[in-house]
């Protein structure tokens, strides 16, 4: 069984950067997605990366500012977030992709508990 643990969240000023990590234990990480959920809002797709690292997808709202990457030696997936905006504030969670629409949370499982990102204006 695999467990995912997110880390790297925190408080940052608008325009700043954070790097989130999603580390898997139990077995090798496969294709992984990052999602976020702000208070009172639905869970939102952020980014996805194929297990080989050969392809990645980013939501339009973060394209050009966020970048997903993976380190298979470390069994982890990272999300580099630059030029953060107040609207990026949310709990960010990673999960394992099982097939289907990469932007739909129903095709993911093994959710971590998430890491909180707060962006001050």
C-alpha atoms as a PDB file:
ATOM      1  CA  UNK A   1       0.000   0.000   0.000  1.00  0.00           C
ATOM      2  CA  UNK A   2       1.274   3.485  -0.819  1.00  0.00           C
ATOM      3  CA  UNK A   3       1.040   6.566   1.356  1.00  0.00           C
ATOM      4  CA  UNK A   4       1.556  10.101   0.132  1.00  0.00           C
ATOM      5  CA  UNK A   5       2.801  12.911   2.333  1.00  0.00           C
ATOM      6  CA  UNK A   6       2.842  16.523   1.225  1.00  0.00           C
ATOM      7  CA  UNK A   7       5.196  19.157   2.599  1.00  0.00           C
ATOM      8  CA  UNK A   8       6.512  22.602   1.833  1.00  0.00           C
ATOM      9  CA  UNK A   9       3.463  24.734   2.436  1.00  0.00           C
ATOM     10  CA  UNK A  10       3.588  27.955   4.393  1.00  0.00           C
ATOM     11  CA  UNK A  11       2.971  31.671   4.391  1.00  0.00           C
ATOM     12  CA  UNK A  12       4.377  33.724   1.543  1.00  0.00           C
ATOM     13  CA  UNK A  13       3.837  37.223   0.227  1.00  0.00           C
ATOM     14  CA  UNK A  14       2.187  37.753  -3.123  1.00  0.00           C
ATOM     15  CA  UNK A  15       4.805  37.424  -5.832  1.00  0.00           C
ATOM     16  CA  UNK A  16       6.826  34.967  -3.790  1.00  0.00           C
ATOM     17  CA  UNK A  17       7.628  31.305  -4.345  1.00  0.00           C
ATOM     18  CA  UNK A  18       7.157  27.984  -2.623  1.00  0.00           C
ATOM     19  CA  UNK A  19       8.147  24.457  -3.506  1.00  0.00           C
ATOM     20  CA  UNK A  20       5.816  21.680  -2.475  1.00  0.00           C
ATOM     21  CA  UNK A  21       6.843  18.046  -2.260  1.00  0.00           C
ATOM     22  CA  UNK A  22       4.803  14.884  -2.421  1.00  0.00           C
ATOM     23  CA  UNK A  23       6.702  11.873  -1.115  1.00  0.00           C
ATOM     24  CA  UNK A  24       5.475   8.324  -1.413  1.00  0.00           C
ATOM     25  CA  UNK A  25       6.179   5.437   0.879  1.00  0.00           C
ATOM     26  CA  UNK A  26       5.269   1.837   0.346  1.00  0.00           C
ATOM     27  CA  UNK A  27       5.921   1.493  -3.361  1.00  0.00           C
ATOM     28  CA  UNK A  28       7.047   3.470  -6.362  1.00  0.00           C
ATOM     29  CA  UNK A  29       5.013   6.519  -7.220  1.00  0.00           C
ATOM     30  CA  UNK A  30       3.129   6.336 -10.494  1.00  0.00           C
ATOM     31  CA  UNK A  31       1.523   9.200 -12.366  1.00  0.00           C
ATOM     32  CA  UNK A  32       0.606  11.867  -9.847  1.00  0.00           C
ATOM     33  CA  UNK A  33      -1.587  14.918  -9.701  1.00  0.00           C
ATOM     34  CA  UNK A  34      -1.678  17.994  -7.527  1.00  0.00           C
ATOM     35  CA  UNK A  35      -5.014  19.514  -6.563  1.00  0.00           C
ATOM     36  CA  UNK A  36      -5.950  22.374  -4.295  1.00  0.00           C
ATOM     37  CA  UNK A  37      -8.980  23.345  -2.304  1.00  0.00           C
ATOM     38  CA  UNK A  38      -9.652  26.768  -0.848  1.00  0.00           C
ATOM     39  CA  UNK A  39     -12.213  27.295   1.935  1.00  0.00           C
ATOM     40  CA  UNK A  40     -15.733  27.201   0.571  1.00  0.00           C
ATOM     41  CA  UNK A  41     -14.590  26.127  -2.877  1.00  0.00           C
ATOM     42  CA  UNK A  42     -14.472  22.875  -4.765  1.00  0.00           C
ATOM     43  CA  UNK A  43     -11.287  20.903  -5.235  1.00  0.00           C
ATOM     44  CA  UNK A  44      -9.404  22.225  -8.249  1.00  0.00           C
ATOM     45  CA  UNK A  45      -6.891  20.525 -10.532  1.00  0.00           C
ATOM     46  CA  UNK A  46      -3.442  22.109 -10.513  1.00  0.00           C
ATOM     47  CA  UNK A  47      -0.996  19.828 -12.313  1.00  0.00           C
ATOM     48  CA  UNK A  48      -0.303  16.254 -13.379  1.00  0.00           C
ATOM     49  CA  UNK A  49       2.833  14.383 -14.336  1.00  0.00           C
ATOM     50  CA  UNK A  50       3.256  11.012 -16.011  1.00  0.00           C
ATOM     51  CA  UNK A  51       5.218   8.379 -14.089  1.00  0.00           C
ATOM     52  CA  UNK A  52       8.073   8.636 -16.590  1.00  0.00           C
ATOM     53  CA  UNK A  53       8.152  12.422 -16.478  1.00  0.00           C
ATOM     54  CA  UNK A  54       7.614  12.448 -20.235  1.00  0.00           C
ATOM     55  CA  UNK A  55       4.466  14.542 -20.060  1.00  0.00           C
ATOM     56  CA  UNK A  56       2.980  17.072 -17.688  1.00  0.00           C
ATOM     57  CA  UNK A  57      -0.166  19.153 -17.602  1.00  0.00           C
ATOM     58  CA  UNK A  58      -0.914  22.353 -15.760  1.00  0.00           C
ATOM     59  CA  UNK A  59      -4.200  24.136 -15.164  1.00  0.00           C
ATOM     60  CA  UNK A  60      -4.597  27.333 -17.146  1.00  0.00           C
ATOM     61  CA  UNK A  61      -4.771  29.298 -13.908  1.00  0.00           C
ATOM     62  CA  UNK A  62      -1.208  28.282 -12.988  1.00  0.00           C
ATOM     63  CA  UNK A  63       0.404  27.773 -16.386  1.00  0.00           C
ATOM     64  CA  UNK A  64       3.643  29.700 -16.671  1.00  0.00           C
ATOM     65  CA  UNK A  65       3.895  30.144 -12.896  1.00  0.00           C
ATOM     66  CA  UNK A  66       3.827  26.594 -11.515  1.00  0.00           C
ATOM     67  CA  UNK A  67       5.872  23.613 -12.651  1.00  0.00           C
ATOM     68  CA  UNK A  68       5.447  19.989 -11.692  1.00  0.00           C
ATOM     69  CA  UNK A  69       8.420  17.645 -11.718  1.00  0.00           C
ATOM     70  CA  UNK A  70       9.391  14.270 -10.329  1.00  0.00           C
ATOM     71  CA  UNK A  71      12.394  12.567  -8.829  1.00  0.00           C
ATOM     72  CA  UNK A  72      11.940   8.831  -9.143  1.00  0.00           C
ATOM     73  CA  UNK A  73      15.117   8.161  -7.168  1.00  0.00           C
ATOM     74  CA  UNK A  74      13.544   9.986  -4.252  1.00  0.00           C
ATOM     75  CA  UNK A  75      10.067   8.636  -5.048  1.00  0.00           C
ATOM     76  CA  UNK A  76       8.703  12.143  -4.951  1.00  0.00           C
ATOM     77  CA  UNK A  77       6.896  14.725  -7.047  1.00  0.00           C
ATOM     78  CA  UNK A  78       7.421  18.444  -6.595  1.00  0.00           C
ATOM     79  CA  UNK A  79       5.385  21.504  -7.436  1.00  0.00           C
ATOM     80  CA  UNK A  80       7.404  24.689  -7.874  1.00  0.00           C
ATOM     81  CA  UNK A  81       5.122  27.671  -7.421  1.00  0.00           C
ATOM     82  CA  UNK A  82       6.318  31.105  -8.505  1.00  0.00           C
ATOM     83  CA  UNK A  83       4.634  34.488  -8.710  1.00  0.00           C
ATOM     84  CA  UNK A  84       2.087  33.409  -6.137  1.00  0.00           C
ATOM     85  CA  UNK A  85      -1.186  35.278  -5.937  1.00  0.00           C
ATOM     86  CA  UNK A  86      -3.678  35.529  -3.065  1.00  0.00           C
ATOM     87  CA  UNK A  87      -6.062  33.367  -5.081  1.00  0.00           C
ATOM     88  CA  UNK A  88      -3.504  30.532  -4.991  1.00  0.00           C
ATOM     89  CA  UNK A  89      -4.047  30.141  -1.266  1.00  0.00           C
ATOM     90  CA  UNK A  90      -5.459  26.697  -0.517  1.00  0.00           C
ATOM     91  CA  UNK A  91      -4.692  23.274   0.864  1.00  0.00           C
ATOM     92  CA  UNK A  92      -2.628  21.483  -1.752  1.00  0.00           C
ATOM     93  CA  UNK A  93      -2.872  17.716  -1.991  1.00  0.00           C
ATOM     94  CA  UNK A  94      -1.274  15.090  -4.190  1.00  0.00           C
ATOM     95  CA  UNK A  95      -2.713  11.784  -5.279  1.00  0.00           C
ATOM     96  CA  UNK A  96      -2.148   8.862  -7.598  1.00  0.00           C
ATOM     97  CA  UNK A  97      -3.667   8.807 -11.046  1.00  0.00           C
ATOM     98  CA  UNK A  98      -5.654   5.750 -12.062  1.00  0.00           C
ATOM     99  CA  UNK A  99      -6.632   6.641 -15.636  1.00  0.00           C
ATOM    100  CA  UNK A 100      -9.177   8.902 -17.305  1.00  0.00           C
ATOM    101  CA  UNK A 101      -9.385  12.672 -17.369  1.00  0.00           C
ATOM    102  CA  UNK A 102      -6.192  13.933 -15.702  1.00  0.00           C
ATOM    103  CA  UNK A 103      -8.032  17.020 -14.491  1.00  0.00           C
ATOM    104  CA  UNK A 104     -10.812  15.183 -12.682  1.00  0.00           C
ATOM    105  CA  UNK A 105     -10.243  14.252  -9.047  1.00  0.00           C
ATOM    106  CA  UNK A 106     -12.440  11.160  -9.326  1.00  0.00           C
ATOM    107  CA  UNK A 107      -9.646   9.458 -11.287  1.00  0.00           C
ATOM    108  CA  UNK A 108      -7.203   9.763  -8.414  1.00  0.00           C
ATOM    109  CA  UNK A 109      -6.729   7.850  -5.202  1.00  0.00           C
ATOM    110  CA  UNK A 110      -4.456   7.643  -2.192  1.00  0.00           C
ATOM    111  CA  UNK A 111      -4.840  11.291  -1.252  1.00  0.00           C
ATOM    112  CA  UNK A 112      -2.385  12.803   1.193  1.00  0.00           C
ATOM    113  CA  UNK A 113      -3.556  15.038   4.009  1.00  0.00           C
ATOM    114  CA  UNK A 114      -2.391  18.149   2.185  1.00  0.00           C
ATOM    115  CA  UNK A 115      -0.211  21.121   2.947  1.00  0.00           C
ATOM    116  CA  UNK A 116      -1.527  24.631   3.509  1.00  0.00           C
ATOM    117  CA  UNK A 117      -0.395  27.504   1.325  1.00  0.00           C
ATOM    118  CA  UNK A 118      -1.234  31.014   2.487  1.00  0.00           C
ATOM    119  CA  UNK A 119      -0.509  34.031   0.300  1.00  0.00           C
ATOM    120  CA  UNK A 120      -0.633  37.493   1.796  1.00  0.00           C
ATOM    121  CA  UNK A 121      -1.399  40.491  -0.381  1.00  0.00           C
END
